[in-house]
Amino acid sequence: MNTQVRNATPEEAIEWSQNDYFLSMKFDPLVLFVVIPAIIQIVVLAFMLVSMSVTGIFFE
């Protein structure tokens, strides 16, 4: 296993900063950090309500 670290050349650093997904901001932060977690939260809440309803039906 190679654990040696080397410094990047200036050309490699420029290429990395232009091609990296997060560093070059090739995404919409609103969608990534707000919309997707909100959708997940709504789905989990709905699943919780459905599971409580089903539990209430079976154990009443």
C-alpha atoms as a PDB file:
ATOM      1  CA  MET A   1       0.000   0.000   0.000  1.00  0.00           C
ATOM      2  CA  ASN A   2       1.466   3.313  -1.087  1.00  0.00           C
ATOM      3  CA  THR A   3       1.048   6.000   1.585  1.00  0.00           C
ATOM      4  CA  GLN A   4       3.450   8.539   0.145  1.00  0.00           C
ATOM      5  CA  VAL A   5       1.882  11.944  -0.498  1.00  0.00           C
ATOM      6  CA  ARG A   6       3.249  14.346  -3.075  1.00  0.00           C
ATOM      7  CA  ASN A   7       2.431  17.957  -3.804  1.00  0.00           C
ATOM      8  CA  ALA A   8       0.400  18.655  -6.917  1.00  0.00           C
ATOM      9  CA  THR A   9       1.935  20.586  -9.757  1.00  0.00           C
ATOM     10  CA  PRO A  10       0.353  23.958 -10.578  1.00  0.00           C
ATOM     11  CA  GLU A  11      -1.201  22.438 -13.706  1.00  0.00           C
ATOM     12  CA  GLU A  12      -2.722  19.593 -11.665  1.00  0.00           C
ATOM     13  CA  ALA A  13      -4.083  22.071  -9.113  1.00  0.00           C
ATOM     14  CA  ILE A  14      -5.714  24.184 -11.829  1.00  0.00           C
ATOM     15  CA  GLU A  15      -7.197  21.094 -13.516  1.00  0.00           C
ATOM     16  CA  TRP A  16      -8.508  19.843 -10.156  1.00  0.00           C
ATOM     17  CA  SER A  17     -10.129  23.184  -9.307  1.00  0.00           C
ATOM     18  CA  GLN A  18     -11.838  23.297 -12.712  1.00  0.00           C
ATOM     19  CA  ASN A  19     -12.995  19.654 -12.793  1.00  0.00           C
ATOM     20  CA  ASP A  20     -13.982  19.075  -9.159  1.00  0.00           C
ATOM     21  CA  TYR A  21     -17.775  18.926  -8.771  1.00  0.00           C
ATOM     22  CA  PHE A  22     -18.061  20.819  -5.484  1.00  0.00           C
ATOM     23  CA  LEU A  23     -15.123  23.185  -5.912  1.00  0.00           C
ATOM     24  CA  SER A  24     -16.240  24.381  -9.345  1.00  0.00           C
ATOM     25  CA  MET A  25     -19.870  24.793  -8.114  1.00  0.00           C
ATOM     26  CA  LYS A  26     -21.371  22.695 -10.917  1.00  0.00           C
ATOM     27  CA  PHE A  27     -24.526  22.228  -8.836  1.00  0.00           C
ATOM     28  CA  ASP A  28     -27.353  24.306  -7.405  1.00  0.00           C
ATOM     29  CA  PRO A  29     -26.762  24.559  -3.646  1.00  0.00           C
ATOM     30  CA  LEU A  30     -30.470  25.220  -3.018  1.00  0.00           C
ATOM     31  CA  VAL A  31     -31.442  21.894  -4.547  1.00  0.00           C
ATOM     32  CA  LEU A  32     -28.618  19.939  -2.938  1.00  0.00           C
ATOM     33  CA  PHE A  33     -28.881  21.306   0.596  1.00  0.00           C
ATOM     34  CA  VAL A  34     -32.561  22.370   0.898  1.00  0.00           C
ATOM     35  CA  VAL A  35     -34.898  20.674  -1.577  1.00  0.00           C
ATOM     36  CA  ILE A  36     -33.554  17.109  -1.364  1.00  0.00           C
ATOM     37  CA  PRO A  37     -33.452  17.037   2.479  1.00  0.00           C
ATOM     38  CA  ALA A  38     -36.955  18.556   2.580  1.00  0.00           C
ATOM     39  CA  ILE A  39     -38.285  15.823   0.287  1.00  0.00           C
ATOM     40  CA  ILE A  40     -36.612  13.167   2.428  1.00  0.00           C
ATOM     41  CA  GLN A  41     -38.125  14.698   5.558  1.00  0.00           C
ATOM     42  CA  ILE A  42     -41.643  14.768   4.049  1.00  0.00           C
ATOM     43  CA  VAL A  43     -41.356  11.138   2.917  1.00  0.00           C
ATOM     44  CA  VAL A  44     -40.136  10.012   6.346  1.00  0.00           C
ATOM     45  CA  LEU A  45     -42.938  11.937   8.070  1.00  0.00           C
ATOM     46  CA  ALA A  46     -45.517  10.346   5.772  1.00  0.00           C
ATOM     47  CA  PHE A  47     -44.081   6.890   6.435  1.00  0.00           C
ATOM     48  CA  MET A  48     -44.217   7.562  10.181  1.00  0.00           C
ATOM     49  CA  LEU A  49     -47.880   8.636   9.999  1.00  0.00           C
ATOM     50  CA  VAL A  50     -48.818   5.617   7.884  1.00  0.00           C
ATOM     51  CA  SER A  51     -47.022   3.242  10.224  1.00  0.00           C
ATOM     52  CA  MET A  52     -48.766   4.769  13.259  1.00  0.00           C
ATOM     53  CA  SER A  53     -52.131   4.438  11.489  1.00  0.00           C
ATOM     54  CA  VAL A  54     -51.501   0.802  10.600  1.00  0.00           C
ATOM     55  CA  THR A  55     -50.342   0.093  14.156  1.00  0.00           C
ATOM     56  CA  GLY A  56     -53.484   1.768  15.492  1.00  0.00           C
ATOM     57  CA  ILE A  57     -55.696  -0.354  13.239  1.00  0.00           C
ATOM     58  CA  PHE A  58     -54.082  -3.656  14.229  1.00  0.00           C
ATOM     59  CA  PHE A  59     -53.703  -3.041  17.960  1.00  0.00           C
ATOM     60  CA  GLU A  60     -57.013  -1.394  18.857  1.00  0.00           C
END
